[in-house]
């Protein structure tokens, strides 16, 4: 990755794509990503990560928030990759 690409990644402020919603299903006890004609069940702490994607926080800010909530967890490596995967699917912009 070039220095410019790395800087752009750090400046990215992820937000859910317009047609998507994050909802909690109390029956399943799980967070859901509701897409047109599809529902994705988010496992683990994925719902917390997506919940921080409000367009105001950078990826570094999301990582920092989660690192404070979950000391010792590998958020610095796992969260950016997770967010990038969601962006590649078109779920984040």
PDB file of N, CA and C in Angstrom:
ATOM      1  N   UNK A   1       0.845  -1.171   0.000  1.00  0.00           N
ATOM      2  CA  UNK A   1       0.000   0.000   0.000  1.00  0.00           C
ATOM      3  C   UNK A   1       0.893   1.236   0.000  1.00  0.00           C
ATOM      4  N   UNK A   2       0.569   2.179  -0.830  1.00  0.00           N
ATOM      5  CA  UNK A   2       1.350   3.400  -0.889  1.00  0.00           C
ATOM      6  C   UNK A   2       1.035   4.276   0.327  1.00  0.00           C
ATOM      7  N   UNK A   3       1.877   5.261   0.557  1.00  0.00           N
ATOM      8  CA  UNK A   3       1.665   6.170   1.687  1.00  0.00           C
ATOM      9  C   UNK A   3       0.356   6.939   1.511  1.00  0.00           C
ATOM     10  N   UNK A   4       0.053   7.329   0.283  1.00  0.00           N
ATOM     11  CA  UNK A   4      -1.189   8.066   0.028  1.00  0.00           C
ATOM     12  C   UNK A   4      -2.404   7.183   0.287  1.00  0.00           C
ATOM     13  N   UNK A   5      -2.332   5.918  -0.119  1.00  0.00           N
ATOM     14  CA  UNK A   5      -3.444   4.999   0.105  1.00  0.00           C
ATOM     15  C   UNK A   5      -3.626   4.739   1.597  1.00  0.00           C
ATOM     16  N   UNK A   6      -2.526   4.593   2.327  1.00  0.00           N
ATOM     17  CA  UNK A   6      -2.600   4.376   3.769  1.00  0.00           C
ATOM     18  C   UNK A   6      -3.219   5.587   4.464  1.00  0.00           C
ATOM     19  N   UNK A   7      -2.859   6.783   4.021  1.00  0.00           N
ATOM     20  CA  UNK A   7      -3.425   7.996   4.607  1.00  0.00           C
ATOM     21  C   UNK A   7      -4.924   8.091   4.322  1.00  0.00           C
ATOM     22  N   UNK A   8      -5.308   7.719   3.105  1.00  0.00           N
ATOM     23  CA  UNK A   8      -6.732   7.742   2.752  1.00  0.00           C
ATOM     24  C   UNK A   8      -7.516   6.750   3.606  1.00  0.00           C
ATOM     25  N   UNK A   9      -6.939   5.581   3.852  1.00  0.00           N
ATOM     26  CA  UNK A   9      -7.593   4.591   4.709  1.00  0.00           C
ATOM     27  C   UNK A   9      -7.786   5.133   6.116  1.00  0.00           C
ATOM     28  N   UNK A  10      -6.767   5.794   6.663  1.00  0.00           N
ATOM     29  CA  UNK A  10      -6.873   6.340   8.018  1.00  0.00           C
ATOM     30  C   UNK A  10      -7.904   7.466   8.090  1.00  0.00           C
ATOM     31  N   UNK A  11      -8.103   8.188   7.010  1.00  0.00           N
ATOM     32  CA  UNK A  11      -9.047   9.306   6.997  1.00  0.00           C
ATOM     33  C   UNK A  11     -10.483   8.861   6.703  1.00  0.00           C
ATOM     34  N   UNK A  12     -10.659   7.622   6.232  1.00  0.00           N
ATOM     35  CA  UNK A  12     -11.992   7.115   5.893  1.00  0.00           C
ATOM     36  C   UNK A  12     -12.888   7.120   7.119  1.00  0.00           C
ATOM     37  N   UNK A  13     -14.091   7.634   6.966  1.00  0.00           N
ATOM     38  CA  UNK A  13     -15.086   7.669   8.036  1.00  0.00           C
ATOM     39  C   UNK A  13     -16.254   6.783   7.601  1.00  0.00           C
ATOM     40  N   UNK A  14     -16.183   5.483   7.935  1.00  0.00           N
ATOM     41  CA  UNK A  14     -17.192   4.554   7.428  1.00  0.00           C
ATOM     42  C   UNK A  14     -18.598   4.847   7.938  1.00  0.00           C
ATOM     43  N   UNK A  15     -19.550   4.630   7.054  1.00  0.00           N
ATOM     44  CA  UNK A  15     -20.966   4.787   7.374  1.00  0.00           C
ATOM     45  C   UNK A  15     -21.718   3.728   6.569  1.00  0.00           C
ATOM     46  N   UNK A  16     -22.821   3.242   7.119  1.00  0.00           N
ATOM     47  CA  UNK A  16     -23.612   2.250   6.406  1.00  0.00           C
ATOM     48  C   UNK A  16     -24.130   2.831   5.096  1.00  0.00           C
ATOM     49  N   UNK A  17     -24.198   1.985   4.087  1.00  0.00           N
ATOM     50  CA  UNK A  17     -24.786   2.394   2.805  1.00  0.00           C
ATOM     51  C   UNK A  17     -26.244   2.797   3.066  1.00  0.00           C
ATOM     52  N   UNK A  18     -26.783   3.691   2.255  1.00  0.00           N
ATOM     53  CA  UNK A  18     -28.101   4.271   2.531  1.00  0.00           C
ATOM     54  C   UNK A  18     -29.244   3.269   2.726  1.00  0.00           C
ATOM     55  N   UNK A  19     -29.271   2.162   2.030  1.00  0.00           N
ATOM     56  CA  UNK A  19     -30.397   1.225   2.112  1.00  0.00           C
ATOM     57  C   UNK A  19     -30.264   0.223   3.256  1.00  0.00           C
ATOM     58  N   UNK A  20     -29.213   0.306   4.058  1.00  0.00           N
ATOM     59  CA  UNK A  20     -28.962  -0.670   5.119  1.00  0.00           C
ATOM     60  C   UNK A  20     -29.305  -0.114   6.494  1.00  0.00           C
ATOM     61  N   UNK A  21     -29.673  -1.028   7.399  1.00  0.00           N
ATOM     62  CA  UNK A  21     -29.974  -0.640   8.782  1.00  0.00           C
ATOM     63  C   UNK A  21     -29.365  -1.670   9.724  1.00  0.00           C
ATOM     64  N   UNK A  22     -28.900  -1.204  10.861  1.00  0.00           N
ATOM     65  CA  UNK A  22     -28.431  -2.078  11.927  1.00  0.00           C
ATOM     66  C   UNK A  22     -29.553  -2.175  12.947  1.00  0.00           C
ATOM     67  N   UNK A  23     -29.969  -3.405  13.248  1.00  0.00           N
ATOM     68  CA  UNK A  23     -31.044  -3.638  14.214  1.00  0.00           C
ATOM     69  C   UNK A  23     -30.623  -4.745  15.174  1.00  0.00           C
ATOM     70  N   UNK A  24     -31.160  -4.707  16.372  1.00  0.00           N
ATOM     71  CA  UNK A  24     -30.931  -5.795  17.324  1.00  0.00           C
ATOM     72  C   UNK A  24     -32.186  -6.643  17.378  1.00  0.00           C
ATOM     73  N   UNK A  25     -32.032  -7.957  17.258  1.00  0.00           N
ATOM     74  CA  UNK A  25     -33.137  -8.903  17.339  1.00  0.00           C
ATOM     75  C   UNK A  25     -33.131  -9.507  18.742  1.00  0.00           C
ATOM     76  N   UNK A  26     -34.058  -9.085  19.603  1.00  0.00           N
ATOM     77  CA  UNK A  26     -34.049  -9.602  20.968  1.00  0.00           C
ATOM     78  C   UNK A  26     -34.379 -11.096  21.043  1.00  0.00           C
ATOM     79  N   UNK A  27     -35.116 -11.611  20.084  1.00  0.00           N
ATOM     80  CA  UNK A  27     -35.452 -13.036  20.080  1.00  0.00           C
ATOM     81  C   UNK A  27     -34.191 -13.871  19.856  1.00  0.00           C
ATOM     82  N   UNK A  28     -33.382 -13.480  18.878  1.00  0.00           N
ATOM     83  CA  UNK A  28     -32.135 -14.187  18.591  1.00  0.00           C
ATOM     84  C   UNK A  28     -31.004 -13.761  19.517  1.00  0.00           C
ATOM     85  N   UNK A  29     -31.162 -12.600  20.122  1.00  0.00           N
ATOM     86  CA  UNK A  29     -30.082 -12.054  20.933  1.00  0.00           C
ATOM     87  C   UNK A  29     -28.891 -11.684  20.063  1.00  0.00           C
ATOM     88  N   UNK A  30     -29.174 -11.205  18.854  1.00  0.00           N
ATOM     89  CA  UNK A  30     -28.105 -10.912  17.891  1.00  0.00           C
ATOM     90  C   UNK A  30     -28.371  -9.591  17.188  1.00  0.00           C
ATOM     91  N   UNK A  31     -27.287  -8.975  16.727  1.00  0.00           N
ATOM     92  CA  UNK A  31     -27.407  -7.788  15.894  1.00  0.00           C
ATOM     93  C   UNK A  31     -27.577  -8.241  14.448  1.00  0.00           C
ATOM     94  N   UNK A  32     -28.393  -7.509  13.719  1.00  0.00           N
ATOM     95  CA  UNK A  32     -28.695  -7.836  12.332  1.00  0.00           C
ATOM     96  C   UNK A  32     -28.354  -6.657  11.435  1.00  0.00           C
ATOM     97  N   UNK A  33     -27.834  -6.949  10.283  1.00  0.00           N
ATOM     98  CA  UNK A  33     -27.643  -5.953   9.252  1.00  0.00           C
ATOM     99  C   UNK A  33     -28.759  -6.202   8.238  1.00  0.00           C
ATOM    100  N   UNK A  34     -29.695  -5.270   8.162  1.00  0.00           N
ATOM    101  CA  UNK A  34     -30.872  -5.438   7.318  1.00  0.00           C
ATOM    102  C   UNK A  34     -30.614  -4.751   5.983  1.00  0.00           C
ATOM    103  N   UNK A  35     -30.586  -5.564   4.933  1.00  0.00           N
ATOM    104  CA  UNK A  35     -30.362  -5.099   3.570  1.00  0.00           C
ATOM    105  C   UNK A  35     -31.658  -5.278   2.795  1.00  0.00           C
ATOM    106  N   UNK A  36     -31.798  -4.655   1.654  1.00  0.00           N
ATOM    107  CA  UNK A  36     -32.980  -4.923   0.840  1.00  0.00           C
ATOM    108  C   UNK A  36     -33.021  -6.421   0.492  1.00  0.00           C
ATOM    109  N   UNK A  37     -34.118  -7.061   0.875  1.00  0.00           N
ATOM    110  CA  UNK A  37     -34.371  -8.474   0.562  1.00  0.00           C
ATOM    111  C   UNK A  37     -33.386  -9.446   1.194  1.00  0.00           C
ATOM    112  N   UNK A  38     -32.682  -9.032   2.248  1.00  0.00           N
ATOM    113  CA  UNK A  38     -31.703  -9.908   2.879  1.00  0.00           C
ATOM    114  C   UNK A  38     -31.416  -9.419   4.297  1.00  0.00           C
ATOM    115  N   UNK A  39     -31.122 -10.370   5.182  1.00  0.00           N
ATOM    116  CA  UNK A  39     -30.713 -10.051   6.543  1.00  0.00           C
ATOM    117  C   UNK A  39     -29.429 -10.810   6.828  1.00  0.00           C
ATOM    118  N   UNK A  40     -28.437 -10.112   7.382  1.00  0.00           N
ATOM    119  CA  UNK A  40     -27.165 -10.720   7.758  1.00  0.00           C
ATOM    120  C   UNK A  40     -27.085 -10.697   9.280  1.00  0.00           C
ATOM    121  N   UNK A  41     -26.892 -11.878   9.879  1.00  0.00           N
ATOM    122  CA  UNK A  41     -26.738 -11.973  11.323  1.00  0.00           C
ATOM    123  C   UNK A  41     -25.281 -11.684  11.647  1.00  0.00           C
ATOM    124  N   UNK A  42     -25.057 -10.674  12.467  1.00  0.00           N
ATOM    125  CA  UNK A  42     -23.707 -10.293  12.861  1.00  0.00           C
ATOM    126  C   UNK A  42     -23.328 -11.055  14.124  1.00  0.00           C
ATOM    127  N   UNK A  43     -22.197 -11.712  14.096  1.00  0.00           N
ATOM    128  CA  UNK A  43     -21.768 -12.514  15.238  1.00  0.00           C
ATOM    129  C   UNK A  43     -20.674 -11.802  16.024  1.00  0.00           C
ATOM    130  N   UNK A  44     -20.449 -12.299  17.232  1.00  0.00           N
ATOM    131  CA  UNK A  44     -19.410 -11.718  18.077  1.00  0.00           C
ATOM    132  C   UNK A  44     -19.681 -10.253  18.351  1.00  0.00           C
ATOM    133  N   UNK A  45     -18.637  -9.450  18.219  1.00  0.00           N
ATOM    134  CA  UNK A  45     -18.744  -8.009  18.476  1.00  0.00           C
ATOM    135  C   UNK A  45     -18.948  -7.207  17.195  1.00  0.00           C
ATOM    136  N   UNK A  46     -19.313  -7.875  16.108  1.00  0.00           N
ATOM    137  CA  UNK A  46     -19.487  -7.180  14.827  1.00  0.00           C
ATOM    138  C   UNK A  46     -20.529  -6.069  14.909  1.00  0.00           C
ATOM    139  N   UNK A  47     -21.595  -6.292  15.667  1.00  0.00           N
ATOM    140  CA  UNK A  47     -22.623  -5.261  15.815  1.00  0.00           C
ATOM    141  C   UNK A  47     -22.086  -4.011  16.484  1.00  0.00           C
ATOM    142  N   UNK A  48     -21.192  -4.180  17.460  1.00  0.00           N
ATOM    143  CA  UNK A  48     -20.565  -3.021  18.106  1.00  0.00           C
ATOM    144  C   UNK A  48     -19.725  -2.246  17.108  1.00  0.00           C
ATOM    145  N   UNK A  49     -18.989  -2.971  16.276  1.00  0.00           N
ATOM    146  CA  UNK A  49     -18.135  -2.318  15.279  1.00  0.00           C
ATOM    147  C   UNK A  49     -18.998  -1.544  14.296  1.00  0.00           C
ATOM    148  N   UNK A  50     -20.018  -2.185  13.750  1.00  0.00           N
ATOM    149  CA  UNK A  50     -20.893  -1.525  12.775  1.00  0.00           C
ATOM    150  C   UNK A  50     -21.621  -0.355  13.424  1.00  0.00           C
ATOM    151  N   UNK A  51     -21.991  -0.488  14.678  1.00  0.00           N
ATOM    152  CA  UNK A  51     -22.672   0.597  15.380  1.00  0.00           C
ATOM    153  C   UNK A  51     -21.831   1.864  15.497  1.00  0.00           C
ATOM    154  N   UNK A  52     -20.521   1.713  15.449  1.00  0.00           N
ATOM    155  CA  UNK A  52     -19.632   2.882  15.507  1.00  0.00           C
ATOM    156  C   UNK A  52     -19.417   3.523  14.134  1.00  0.00           C
ATOM    157  N   UNK A  53     -19.908   2.887  13.097  1.00  0.00           N
ATOM    158  CA  UNK A  53     -19.740   3.406  11.729  1.00  0.00           C
ATOM    159  C   UNK A  53     -20.852   4.404  11.430  1.00  0.00           C
ATOM    160  N   UNK A  54     -20.715   5.596  11.978  1.00  0.00           N
ATOM    161  CA  UNK A  54     -21.743   6.625  11.834  1.00  0.00           C
ATOM    162  C   UNK A  54     -21.316   7.784  10.938  1.00  0.00           C
ATOM    163  N   UNK A  55     -20.152   7.647  10.315  1.00  0.00           N
ATOM    164  CA  UNK A  55     -19.677   8.690   9.421  1.00  0.00           C
ATOM    165  C   UNK A  55     -18.925   9.807  10.113  1.00  0.00           C
ATOM    166  N   UNK A  56     -18.837   9.763  11.446  1.00  0.00           N
ATOM    167  CA  UNK A  56     -18.102  10.802  12.167  1.00  0.00           C
ATOM    168  C   UNK A  56     -16.750  10.312  12.654  1.00  0.00           C
ATOM    169  N   UNK A  57     -16.608   9.009  12.831  1.00  0.00           N
ATOM    170  CA  UNK A  57     -15.360   8.428  13.343  1.00  0.00           C
ATOM    171  C   UNK A  57     -14.517   7.891  12.200  1.00  0.00           C
ATOM    172  N   UNK A  58     -13.219   8.087  12.301  1.00  0.00           N
ATOM    173  CA  UNK A  58     -12.302   7.460  11.357  1.00  0.00           C
ATOM    174  C   UNK A  58     -12.112   6.004  11.784  1.00  0.00           C
ATOM    175  N   UNK A  59     -11.472   5.221  10.932  1.00  0.00           N
ATOM    176  CA  UNK A  59     -11.161   3.841  11.282  1.00  0.00           C
ATOM    177  C   UNK A  59     -10.296   3.819  12.537  1.00  0.00           C
ATOM    178  N   UNK A  60      -9.302   4.702  12.605  1.00  0.00           N
ATOM    179  CA  UNK A  60      -8.456   4.778  13.809  1.00  0.00           C
ATOM    180  C   UNK A  60      -9.281   5.115  15.047  1.00  0.00           C
ATOM    181  N   UNK A  61     -10.276   5.976  14.900  1.00  0.00           N
ATOM    182  CA  UNK A  61     -11.144   6.326  16.017  1.00  0.00           C
ATOM    183  C   UNK A  61     -11.988   5.148  16.470  1.00  0.00           C
ATOM    184  N   UNK A  62     -12.485   4.377  15.525  1.00  0.00           N
ATOM    185  CA  UNK A  62     -13.261   3.178  15.848  1.00  0.00           C
ATOM    186  C   UNK A  62     -12.371   2.175  16.571  1.00  0.00           C
ATOM    187  N   UNK A  63     -11.163   1.975  16.048  1.00  0.00           N
ATOM    188  CA  UNK A  63     -10.211   1.056  16.681  1.00  0.00           C
ATOM    189  C   UNK A  63      -9.898   1.517  18.099  1.00  0.00           C
ATOM    190  N   UNK A  64      -9.665   2.803  18.287  1.00  0.00           N
ATOM    191  CA  UNK A  64      -9.357   3.333  19.615  1.00  0.00           C
ATOM    192  C   UNK A  64     -10.498   3.131  20.604  1.00  0.00           C
ATOM    193  N   UNK A  65     -11.717   3.372  20.156  1.00  0.00           N
ATOM    194  CA  UNK A  65     -12.884   3.182  21.014  1.00  0.00           C
ATOM    195  C   UNK A  65     -13.015   1.721  21.430  1.00  0.00           C
ATOM    196  N   UNK A  66     -12.867   0.823  20.458  1.00  0.00           N
ATOM    197  CA  UNK A  66     -12.998  -0.606  20.757  1.00  0.00           C
ATOM    198  C   UNK A  66     -11.840  -1.120  21.605  1.00  0.00           C
ATOM    199  N   UNK A  67     -10.642  -0.591  21.394  1.00  0.00           N
ATOM    200  CA  UNK A  67      -9.487  -1.003  22.197  1.00  0.00           C
ATOM    201  C   UNK A  67      -9.689  -0.610  23.661  1.00  0.00           C
ATOM    202  N   UNK A  68     -10.311   0.545  23.881  1.00  0.00           N
ATOM    203  CA  UNK A  68     -10.589   0.973  25.252  1.00  0.00           C
ATOM    204  C   UNK A  68     -11.658   0.080  25.894  1.00  0.00           C
ATOM    205  N   UNK A  69     -12.643  -0.355  25.111  1.00  0.00           N
ATOM    206  CA  UNK A  69     -13.711  -1.215  25.626  1.00  0.00           C
ATOM    207  C   UNK A  69     -13.231  -2.649  25.860  1.00  0.00           C
ATOM    208  N   UNK A  70     -12.295  -3.096  25.025  1.00  0.00           N
ATOM    209  CA  UNK A  70     -11.849  -4.492  25.052  1.00  0.00           C
ATOM    210  C   UNK A  70     -10.323  -4.552  25.116  1.00  0.00           C
ATOM    211  N   UNK A  71      -9.737  -4.191  26.267  1.00  0.00           N
ATOM    212  CA  UNK A  71      -8.276  -4.202  26.383  1.00  0.00           C
ATOM    213  C   UNK A  71      -7.702  -5.592  26.070  1.00  0.00           C
ATOM    214  N   UNK A  72      -6.625  -5.590  25.314  1.00  0.00           N
ATOM    215  CA  UNK A  72      -5.958  -6.831  24.966  1.00  0.00           C
ATOM    216  C   UNK A  72      -6.514  -7.532  23.739  1.00  0.00           C
ATOM    217  N   UNK A  73      -7.667  -7.097  23.242  1.00  0.00           N
ATOM    218  CA  UNK A  73      -8.236  -7.707  22.033  1.00  0.00           C
ATOM    219  C   UNK A  73      -7.468  -7.206  20.809  1.00  0.00           C
ATOM    220  N   UNK A  74      -7.374  -8.012  19.767  1.00  0.00           N
ATOM    221  CA  UNK A  74      -6.596  -7.634  18.581  1.00  0.00           C
ATOM    222  C   UNK A  74      -7.362  -6.708  17.625  1.00  0.00           C
ATOM    223  N   UNK A  75      -7.969  -5.657  18.160  1.00  0.00           N
ATOM    224  CA  UNK A  75      -8.805  -4.782  17.325  1.00  0.00           C
ATOM    225  C   UNK A  75      -7.999  -4.022  16.280  1.00  0.00           C
ATOM    226  N   UNK A  76      -6.748  -3.700  16.556  1.00  0.00           N
ATOM    227  CA  UNK A  76      -5.945  -2.910  15.612  1.00  0.00           C
ATOM    228  C   UNK A  76      -5.725  -3.644  14.298  1.00  0.00           C
ATOM    229  N   UNK A  77      -5.727  -4.950  14.322  1.00  0.00           N
ATOM    230  CA  UNK A  77      -5.540  -5.711  13.081  1.00  0.00           C
ATOM    231  C   UNK A  77      -6.858  -6.223  12.519  1.00  0.00           C
ATOM    232  N   UNK A  78      -7.775  -6.634  13.387  1.00  0.00           N
ATOM    233  CA  UNK A  78      -9.006  -7.258  12.915  1.00  0.00           C
ATOM    234  C   UNK A  78     -10.067  -6.266  12.441  1.00  0.00           C
ATOM    235  N   UNK A  79     -10.221  -5.152  13.131  1.00  0.00           N
ATOM    236  CA  UNK A  79     -11.292  -4.214  12.790  1.00  0.00           C
ATOM    237  C   UNK A  79     -11.086  -3.560  11.419  1.00  0.00           C
ATOM    238  N   UNK A  80      -9.892  -3.032  11.088  1.00  0.00           N
ATOM    239  CA  UNK A  80      -9.731  -2.459   9.751  1.00  0.00           C
ATOM    240  C   UNK A  80     -10.002  -3.476   8.632  1.00  0.00           C
ATOM    241  N   UNK A  81      -9.576  -4.712   8.811  1.00  0.00           N
ATOM    242  CA  UNK A  81      -9.831  -5.740   7.796  1.00  0.00           C
ATOM    243  C   UNK A  81     -11.328  -6.036   7.682  1.00  0.00           C
ATOM    244  N   UNK A  82     -12.013  -6.091   8.826  1.00  0.00           N
ATOM    245  CA  UNK A  82     -13.458  -6.316   8.829  1.00  0.00           C
ATOM    246  C   UNK A  82     -14.182  -5.182   8.099  1.00  0.00           C
ATOM    247  N   UNK A  83     -13.817  -3.947   8.408  1.00  0.00           N
ATOM    248  CA  UNK A  83     -14.455  -2.792   7.767  1.00  0.00           C
ATOM    249  C   UNK A  83     -14.179  -2.771   6.266  1.00  0.00           C
ATOM    250  N   UNK A  84     -12.955  -3.106   5.885  1.00  0.00           N
ATOM    251  CA  UNK A  84     -12.627  -3.150   4.466  1.00  0.00           C
ATOM    252  C   UNK A  84     -13.465  -4.211   3.752  1.00  0.00           C
ATOM    253  N   UNK A  85     -13.635  -5.363   4.372  1.00  0.00           N
ATOM    254  CA  UNK A  85     -14.470  -6.409   3.783  1.00  0.00           C
ATOM    255  C   UNK A  85     -15.907  -5.963   3.607  1.00  0.00           C
ATOM    256  N   UNK A  86     -16.420  -5.226   4.596  1.00  0.00           N
ATOM    257  CA  UNK A  86     -17.787  -4.700   4.481  1.00  0.00           C
ATOM    258  C   UNK A  86     -17.900  -3.653   3.372  1.00  0.00           C
ATOM    259  N   UNK A  87     -16.841  -2.872   3.220  1.00  0.00           N
ATOM    260  CA  UNK A  87     -16.839  -1.878   2.141  1.00  0.00           C
ATOM    261  C   UNK A  87     -16.810  -2.557   0.789  1.00  0.00           C
ATOM    262  N   UNK A  88     -16.022  -3.613   0.655  1.00  0.00           N
ATOM    263  CA  UNK A  88     -15.941  -4.343  -0.604  1.00  0.00           C
ATOM    264  C   UNK A  88     -17.280  -4.982  -0.980  1.00  0.00           C
ATOM    265  N   UNK A  89     -18.080  -5.337   0.018  1.00  0.00           N
ATOM    266  CA  UNK A  89     -19.415  -5.900  -0.237  1.00  0.00           C
ATOM    267  C   UNK A  89     -20.430  -4.813  -0.558  1.00  0.00           C
ATOM    268  N   UNK A  90     -20.048  -3.544  -0.377  1.00  0.00           N
ATOM    269  CA  UNK A  90     -20.947  -2.438  -0.642  1.00  0.00           C
ATOM    270  C   UNK A  90     -21.832  -2.065   0.534  1.00  0.00           C
ATOM    271  N   UNK A  91     -21.520  -2.610   1.725  1.00  0.00           N
ATOM    272  CA  UNK A  91     -22.327  -2.340   2.896  1.00  0.00           C
ATOM    273  C   UNK A  91     -21.898  -1.072   3.616  1.00  0.00           C
ATOM    274  N   UNK A  92     -20.670  -0.649   3.408  1.00  0.00           N
ATOM    275  CA  UNK A  92     -20.173   0.604   3.972  1.00  0.00           C
ATOM    276  C   UNK A  92     -19.703   1.497   2.842  1.00  0.00           C
ATOM    277  N   UNK A  93     -19.786   2.778   3.072  1.00  0.00           N
ATOM    278  CA  UNK A  93     -19.235   3.733   2.103  1.00  0.00           C
ATOM    279  C   UNK A  93     -18.418   4.753   2.844  1.00  0.00           C
TER     280      UNK A  93
END
